[in-house]
Amino acid sequence: MIRKMFAIVAVAGMLAATPSLAAGSCRDAHGKFIKCPTSTTAKKAPSSAVTKGKDGKCRFSSGPKKGQFTKCP
């Protein structure tokens, strides 16, 4: 019983440590730390999915968030 519990705790610890190891992997060829590149394409929302209504408020016009308010572009 104790062995199983220890194994579960060890696996959980390894899974919890994985993102922190991946965050520090931005290095150049000489091993020096550099700024990690960010993908701007994933953060951008398609501008065609947002429409401005008669009341001046912007809403999503399609997709799973259809009709919900959003920031105007």
PDB file of N, CA and C in Angstrom:
ATOM      1  N   MET A   1       0.827  -1.196   0.000  1.00  0.00           N
ATOM      2  CA  MET A   1       0.000   0.000   0.000  1.00  0.00           C
ATOM      3  C   MET A   1       0.870   1.259   0.000  1.00  0.00           C
ATOM      4  N   ILE A   2       1.891   1.240   0.825  1.00  0.00           N
ATOM      5  CA  ILE A   2       2.772   2.402   0.906  1.00  0.00           C
ATOM      6  C   ILE A   2       3.550   2.556  -0.395  1.00  0.00           C
ATOM      7  N   ARG A   3       3.945   1.428  -1.007  1.00  0.00           N
ATOM      8  CA  ARG A   3       4.682   1.495  -2.275  1.00  0.00           C
ATOM      9  C   ARG A   3       3.829   2.122  -3.374  1.00  0.00           C
ATOM     10  N   LYS A   4       2.557   1.734  -3.426  1.00  0.00           N
ATOM     11  CA  LYS A   4       1.660   2.297  -4.435  1.00  0.00           C
ATOM     12  C   LYS A   4       1.474   3.793  -4.223  1.00  0.00           C
ATOM     13  N   MET A   5       1.317   4.194  -2.971  1.00  0.00           N
ATOM     14  CA  MET A   5       1.122   5.608  -2.676  1.00  0.00           C
ATOM     15  C   MET A   5       2.380   6.400  -3.028  1.00  0.00           C
ATOM     16  N   PHE A   6       3.563   5.836  -2.723  1.00  0.00           N
ATOM     17  CA  PHE A   6       4.813   6.508  -3.058  1.00  0.00           C
ATOM     18  C   PHE A   6       4.965   6.634  -4.571  1.00  0.00           C
ATOM     19  N   ALA A   7       4.584   5.595  -5.307  1.00  0.00           N
ATOM     20  CA  ALA A   7       4.680   5.642  -6.768  1.00  0.00           C
ATOM     21  C   ALA A   7       3.743   6.698  -7.337  1.00  0.00           C
ATOM     22  N   ILE A   8       2.549   6.808  -6.793  1.00  0.00           N
ATOM     23  CA  ILE A   8       1.594   7.814  -7.269  1.00  0.00           C
ATOM     24  C   ILE A   8       2.115   9.222  -7.002  1.00  0.00           C
ATOM     25  N   VAL A   9       2.695   9.431  -5.821  1.00  0.00           N
ATOM     26  CA  VAL A   9       3.241  10.745  -5.476  1.00  0.00           C
ATOM     27  C   VAL A   9       4.429  11.077  -6.377  1.00  0.00           C
ATOM     28  N   ALA A  10       5.254  10.081  -6.695  1.00  0.00           N
ATOM     29  CA  ALA A  10       6.410  10.317  -7.563  1.00  0.00           C
ATOM     30  C   ALA A  10       5.973  10.686  -8.976  1.00  0.00           C
ATOM     31  N   VAL A  11       4.992   9.986  -9.502  1.00  0.00           N
ATOM     32  CA  VAL A  11       4.494  10.292 -10.852  1.00  0.00           C
ATOM     33  C   VAL A  11       3.856  11.677 -10.873  1.00  0.00           C
ATOM     34  N   ALA A  12       3.090  12.016  -9.845  1.00  0.00           N
ATOM     35  CA  ALA A  12       2.467  13.338  -9.788  1.00  0.00           C
ATOM     36  C   ALA A  12       3.526  14.434  -9.710  1.00  0.00           C
ATOM     37  N   GLY A  13       4.598  14.184  -8.980  1.00  0.00           N
ATOM     38  CA  GLY A  13       5.686  15.164  -8.889  1.00  0.00           C
ATOM     39  C   GLY A  13       6.378  15.377 -10.214  1.00  0.00           C
ATOM     40  N   MET A  14       6.576  14.300 -10.972  1.00  0.00           N
ATOM     41  CA  MET A  14       7.212  14.436 -12.285  1.00  0.00           C
ATOM     42  C   MET A  14       6.312  15.193 -13.250  1.00  0.00           C
ATOM     43  N   LEU A  15       5.014  14.926 -13.206  1.00  0.00           N
ATOM     44  CA  LEU A  15       4.092  15.632 -14.092  1.00  0.00           C
ATOM     45  C   LEU A  15       3.996  17.108 -13.732  1.00  0.00           C
ATOM     46  N   ALA A  16       4.091  17.429 -12.464  1.00  0.00           N
ATOM     47  CA  ALA A  16       4.017  18.826 -12.045  1.00  0.00           C
ATOM     48  C   ALA A  16       5.285  19.579 -12.413  1.00  0.00           C
ATOM     49  N   ALA A  17       6.424  18.901 -12.471  1.00  0.00           N
ATOM     50  CA  ALA A  17       7.700  19.561 -12.764  1.00  0.00           C
ATOM     51  C   ALA A  17       7.920  19.757 -14.258  1.00  0.00           C
ATOM     52  N   THR A  18       7.204  19.058 -15.108  1.00  0.00           N
ATOM     53  CA  THR A  18       7.423  19.115 -16.551  1.00  0.00           C
ATOM     54  C   THR A  18       7.224  20.508 -17.139  1.00  0.00           C
ATOM     55  N   PRO A  19       6.154  21.272 -16.834  1.00  0.00           N
ATOM     56  CA  PRO A  19       6.019  22.605 -17.425  1.00  0.00           C
ATOM     57  C   PRO A  19       7.120  23.569 -16.990  1.00  0.00           C
ATOM     58  N   SER A  20       7.602  23.436 -15.769  1.00  0.00           N
ATOM     59  CA  SER A  20       8.643  24.343 -15.316  1.00  0.00           C
ATOM     60  C   SER A  20       9.950  24.059 -16.037  1.00  0.00           C
ATOM     61  N   LEU A  21      10.199  22.809 -16.401  1.00  0.00           N
ATOM     62  CA  LEU A  21      11.400  22.491 -17.162  1.00  0.00           C
ATOM     63  C   LEU A  21      11.292  23.003 -18.590  1.00  0.00           C
ATOM     64  N   ALA A  22      10.117  22.923 -19.168  1.00  0.00           N
ATOM     65  CA  ALA A  22       9.925  23.381 -20.540  1.00  0.00           C
ATOM     66  C   ALA A  22      10.021  24.902 -20.632  1.00  0.00           C
ATOM     67  N   ALA A  23       9.677  25.607 -19.569  1.00  0.00           N
ATOM     68  CA  ALA A  23       9.714  27.065 -19.595  1.00  0.00           C
ATOM     69  C   ALA A  23      11.145  27.582 -19.668  1.00  0.00           C
ATOM     70  N   GLY A  24      12.097  26.859 -19.143  1.00  0.00           N
ATOM     71  CA  GLY A  24      13.486  27.309 -19.130  1.00  0.00           C
ATOM     72  C   GLY A  24      14.284  26.781 -20.293  1.00  0.00           C
ATOM     73  N   SER A  25      13.670  26.365 -21.375  1.00  0.00           N
ATOM     74  CA  SER A  25      14.389  25.740 -22.478  1.00  0.00           C
ATOM     75  C   SER A  25      14.751  26.706 -23.598  1.00  0.00           C
ATOM     76  N   CYS A  26      14.584  27.987 -23.404  1.00  0.00           N
ATOM     77  CA  CYS A  26      14.904  28.952 -24.459  1.00  0.00           C
ATOM     78  C   CYS A  26      16.373  29.358 -24.332  1.00  0.00           C
ATOM     79  N   ARG A  27      17.199  28.637 -25.063  1.00  0.00           N
ATOM     80  CA  ARG A  27      18.632  28.905 -25.060  1.00  0.00           C
ATOM     81  C   ARG A  27      19.146  28.919 -26.485  1.00  0.00           C
ATOM     82  N   ASP A  28      20.253  29.643 -26.705  1.00  0.00           N
ATOM     83  CA  ASP A  28      20.849  29.667 -28.031  1.00  0.00           C
ATOM     84  C   ASP A  28      21.841  28.513 -28.163  1.00  0.00           C
ATOM     85  N   ALA A  29      22.623  28.498 -29.239  1.00  0.00           N
ATOM     86  CA  ALA A  29      23.549  27.407 -29.505  1.00  0.00           C
ATOM     87  C   ALA A  29      24.678  27.328 -28.477  1.00  0.00           C
ATOM     88  N   HIS A  30      24.986  28.438 -27.813  1.00  0.00           N
ATOM     89  CA  HIS A  30      26.064  28.469 -26.827  1.00  0.00           C
ATOM     90  C   HIS A  30      25.576  28.183 -25.420  1.00  0.00           C
ATOM     91  N   GLY A  31      24.291  27.953 -25.250  1.00  0.00           N
ATOM     92  CA  GLY A  31      23.747  27.648 -23.940  1.00  0.00           C
ATOM     93  C   GLY A  31      23.313  28.873 -23.151  1.00  0.00           C
ATOM     94  N   LYS A  32      23.373  30.039 -23.760  1.00  0.00           N
ATOM     95  CA  LYS A  32      22.941  31.273 -23.096  1.00  0.00           C
ATOM     96  C   LYS A  32      21.430  31.415 -23.197  1.00  0.00           C
ATOM     97  N   PHE A  33      20.835  31.971 -22.156  1.00  0.00           N
ATOM     98  CA  PHE A  33      19.395  32.175 -22.159  1.00  0.00           C
ATOM     99  C   PHE A  33      19.028  33.312 -23.103  1.00  0.00           C
ATOM    100  N   ILE A  34      17.962  33.094 -23.879  1.00  0.00           N
ATOM    101  CA  ILE A  34      17.434  34.106 -24.784  1.00  0.00           C
ATOM    102  C   ILE A  34      15.940  34.234 -24.543  1.00  0.00           C
ATOM    103  N   LYS A  35      15.348  35.291 -25.069  1.00  0.00           N
ATOM    104  CA  LYS A  35      13.909  35.485 -24.930  1.00  0.00           C
ATOM    105  C   LYS A  35      13.187  34.477 -25.812  1.00  0.00           C
ATOM    106  N   CYS A  36      12.213  33.796 -25.232  1.00  0.00           N
ATOM    107  CA  CYS A  36      11.467  32.782 -25.974  1.00  0.00           C
ATOM    108  C   CYS A  36      10.569  33.449 -27.008  1.00  0.00           C
ATOM    109  N   PRO A  37      10.497  32.896 -28.220  1.00  0.00           N
ATOM    110  CA  PRO A  37       9.592  33.447 -29.226  1.00  0.00           C
ATOM    111  C   PRO A  37       8.146  33.138 -28.866  1.00  0.00           C
ATOM    112  N   THR A  38       7.275  34.102 -29.117  1.00  0.00           N
ATOM    113  CA  THR A  38       5.860  33.904 -28.842  1.00  0.00           C
ATOM    114  C   THR A  38       5.116  33.846 -30.165  1.00  0.00           C
ATOM    115  N   SER A  39       4.093  33.041 -30.215  1.00  0.00           N
ATOM    116  CA  SER A  39       3.299  32.946 -31.437  1.00  0.00           C
ATOM    117  C   SER A  39       2.140  33.931 -31.337  1.00  0.00           C
ATOM    118  N   THR A  40       2.126  34.909 -32.212  1.00  0.00           N
ATOM    119  CA  THR A  40       1.066  35.911 -32.200  1.00  0.00           C
ATOM    120  C   THR A  40      -0.149  35.451 -32.980  1.00  0.00           C
ATOM    121  N   THR A  41       0.022  34.420 -33.804  1.00  0.00           N
ATOM    122  CA  THR A  41      -1.111  33.972 -34.606  1.00  0.00           C
ATOM    123  C   THR A  41      -2.161  33.281 -33.750  1.00  0.00           C
ATOM    124  N   ALA A  42      -1.769  32.632 -32.679  1.00  0.00           N
ATOM    125  CA  ALA A  42      -2.729  31.936 -31.830  1.00  0.00           C
ATOM    126  C   ALA A  42      -3.526  32.910 -30.972  1.00  0.00           C
ATOM    127  N   LYS A  43      -2.940  34.059 -30.664  1.00  0.00           N
ATOM    128  CA  LYS A  43      -3.608  35.018 -29.793  1.00  0.00           C
ATOM    129  C   LYS A  43      -4.606  35.901 -30.537  1.00  0.00           C
ATOM    130  N   LYS A  44      -4.410  36.064 -31.833  1.00  0.00           N
ATOM    131  CA  LYS A  44      -5.286  36.944 -32.601  1.00  0.00           C
ATOM    132  C   LYS A  44      -6.621  36.270 -32.888  1.00  0.00           C
ATOM    133  N   ALA A  45      -7.677  36.980 -32.645  1.00  0.00           N
ATOM    134  CA  ALA A  45      -8.997  36.482 -33.000  1.00  0.00           C
ATOM    135  C   ALA A  45      -9.341  36.991 -34.400  1.00  0.00           C
ATOM    136  N   PRO A  46     -10.013  36.206 -35.184  1.00  0.00           N
ATOM    137  CA  PRO A  46     -10.370  36.691 -36.516  1.00  0.00           C
ATOM    138  C   PRO A  46     -11.315  37.882 -36.417  1.00  0.00           C
ATOM    139  N   SER A  47     -10.972  38.955 -37.114  1.00  0.00           N
ATOM    140  CA  SER A  47     -11.758  40.186 -37.001  1.00  0.00           C
ATOM    141  C   SER A  47     -13.115  40.063 -37.682  1.00  0.00           C
ATOM    142  N   SER A  48     -13.266  39.101 -38.578  1.00  0.00           N
ATOM    143  CA  SER A  48     -14.542  38.949 -39.268  1.00  0.00           C
ATOM    144  C   SER A  48     -15.603  38.324 -38.369  1.00  0.00           C
ATOM    145  N   ALA A  49     -15.194  37.730 -37.244  1.00  0.00           N
ATOM    146  CA  ALA A  49     -16.148  37.084 -36.357  1.00  0.00           C
ATOM    147  C   ALA A  49     -16.760  38.075 -35.383  1.00  0.00           C
ATOM    148  N   VAL A  50     -16.316  39.334 -35.408  1.00  0.00           N
ATOM    149  CA  VAL A  50     -16.831  40.350 -34.486  1.00  0.00           C
ATOM    150  C   VAL A  50     -17.587  41.401 -35.292  1.00  0.00           C
ATOM    151  N   THR A  51     -18.815  41.679 -34.882  1.00  0.00           N
ATOM    152  CA  THR A  51     -19.601  42.705 -35.553  1.00  0.00           C
ATOM    153  C   THR A  51     -20.079  43.732 -34.540  1.00  0.00           C
ATOM    154  N   LYS A  52     -20.229  44.946 -35.008  1.00  0.00           N
ATOM    155  CA  LYS A  52     -20.693  46.036 -34.160  1.00  0.00           C
ATOM    156  C   LYS A  52     -22.179  46.251 -34.412  1.00  0.00           C
ATOM    157  N   GLY A  53     -22.956  46.214 -33.348  1.00  0.00           N
ATOM    158  CA  GLY A  53     -24.396  46.354 -33.474  1.00  0.00           C
ATOM    159  C   GLY A  53     -24.848  47.798 -33.536  1.00  0.00           C
ATOM    160  N   LYS A  54     -26.171  48.019 -33.638  1.00  0.00           N
ATOM    161  CA  LYS A  54     -26.737  49.370 -33.702  1.00  0.00           C
ATOM    162  C   LYS A  54     -26.491  50.151 -32.416  1.00  0.00           C
ATOM    163  N   ASP A  55     -26.379  49.429 -31.309  1.00  0.00           N
ATOM    164  CA  ASP A  55     -26.159  50.087 -30.025  1.00  0.00           C
ATOM    165  C   ASP A  55     -24.695  50.441 -29.791  1.00  0.00           C
ATOM    166  N   GLY A  56     -23.800  50.098 -30.719  1.00  0.00           N
ATOM    167  CA  GLY A  56     -22.386  50.433 -30.614  1.00  0.00           C
ATOM    168  C   GLY A  56     -21.565  49.409 -29.858  1.00  0.00           C
ATOM    169  N   LYS A  57     -22.176  48.297 -29.484  1.00  0.00           N
ATOM    170  CA  LYS A  57     -21.459  47.256 -28.758  1.00  0.00           C
ATOM    171  C   LYS A  57     -21.053  46.148 -29.722  1.00  0.00           C
ATOM    172  N   CYS A  58     -19.865  45.578 -29.500  1.00  0.00           N
ATOM    173  CA  CYS A  58     -19.363  44.517 -30.371  1.00  0.00           C
ATOM    174  C   CYS A  58     -19.731  43.158 -29.810  1.00  0.00           C
ATOM    175  N   ARG A  59     -20.116  42.253 -30.719  1.00  0.00           N
ATOM    176  CA  ARG A  59     -20.493  40.891 -30.360  1.00  0.00           C
ATOM    177  C   ARG A  59     -19.857  39.916 -31.342  1.00  0.00           C
ATOM    178  N   PHE A  60     -19.694  38.665 -30.901  1.00  0.00           N
ATOM    179  CA  PHE A  60     -19.243  37.612 -31.803  1.00  0.00           C
ATOM    180  C   PHE A  60     -20.404  37.269 -32.729  1.00  0.00           C
ATOM    181  N   SER A  61     -20.118  37.166 -34.029  1.00  0.00           N
ATOM    182  CA  SER A  61     -21.178  36.888 -34.987  1.00  0.00           C
ATOM    183  C   SER A  61     -21.261  35.415 -35.376  1.00  0.00           C
ATOM    184  N   SER A  62     -20.254  34.618 -35.005  1.00  0.00           N
ATOM    185  CA  SER A  62     -20.290  33.189 -35.327  1.00  0.00           C
ATOM    186  C   SER A  62     -19.451  32.435 -34.314  1.00  0.00           C
ATOM    187  N   GLY A  63     -19.580  31.137 -34.350  1.00  0.00           N
ATOM    188  CA  GLY A  63     -18.804  30.286 -33.468  1.00  0.00           C
ATOM    189  C   GLY A  63     -19.530  29.985 -32.170  1.00  0.00           C
ATOM    190  N   PRO A  64     -18.824  29.342 -31.231  1.00  0.00           N
ATOM    191  CA  PRO A  64     -19.476  28.931 -29.986  1.00  0.00           C
ATOM    192  C   PRO A  64     -19.831  30.091 -29.065  1.00  0.00           C
ATOM    193  N   LYS A  65     -19.225  31.246 -29.265  1.00  0.00           N
ATOM    194  CA  LYS A  65     -19.514  32.418 -28.426  1.00  0.00           C
ATOM    195  C   LYS A  65     -20.467  33.397 -29.114  1.00  0.00           C
ATOM    196  N   LYS A  66     -21.229  32.933 -30.063  1.00  0.00           N
ATOM    197  CA  LYS A  66     -22.113  33.802 -30.851  1.00  0.00           C
ATOM    198  C   LYS A  66     -23.059  34.575 -29.948  1.00  0.00           C
ATOM    199  N   GLY A  67     -23.065  35.896 -30.133  1.00  0.00           N
ATOM    200  CA  GLY A  67     -23.947  36.772 -29.378  1.00  0.00           C
ATOM    201  C   GLY A  67     -23.341  37.333 -28.113  1.00  0.00           C
ATOM    202  N   GLN A  68     -22.195  36.822 -27.678  1.00  0.00           N
ATOM    203  CA  GLN A  68     -21.572  37.327 -26.462  1.00  0.00           C
ATOM    204  C   GLN A  68     -20.804  38.601 -26.760  1.00  0.00           C
ATOM    205  N   PHE A  69     -20.772  39.523 -25.777  1.00  0.00           N
ATOM    206  CA  PHE A  69     -20.065  40.778 -25.939  1.00  0.00           C
ATOM    207  C   PHE A  69     -18.560  40.560 -25.926  1.00  0.00           C
ATOM    208  N   THR A  70     -17.857  41.415 -26.665  1.00  0.00           N
ATOM    209  CA  THR A  70     -16.395  41.355 -26.722  1.00  0.00           C
ATOM    210  C   THR A  70     -15.864  42.767 -26.928  1.00  0.00           C
ATOM    211  N   LYS A  71     -14.546  42.924 -26.849  1.00  0.00           N
ATOM    212  CA  LYS A  71     -13.921  44.218 -27.100  1.00  0.00           C
ATOM    213  C   LYS A  71     -13.949  44.517 -28.584  1.00  0.00           C
ATOM    214  N   CYS A  72     -14.193  45.763 -28.920  1.00  0.00           N
ATOM    215  CA  CYS A  72     -14.203  46.165 -30.322  1.00  0.00           C
ATOM    216  C   CYS A  72     -12.775  46.276 -30.833  1.00  0.00           C
ATOM    217  N   PRO A  73     -12.536  45.817 -32.060  1.00  0.00           N
ATOM    218  CA  PRO A  73     -11.166  45.903 -32.631  1.00  0.00           C
ATOM    219  C   PRO A  73     -10.789  47.315 -32.991  1.00  0.00           C
TER     220      PRO A  73
END
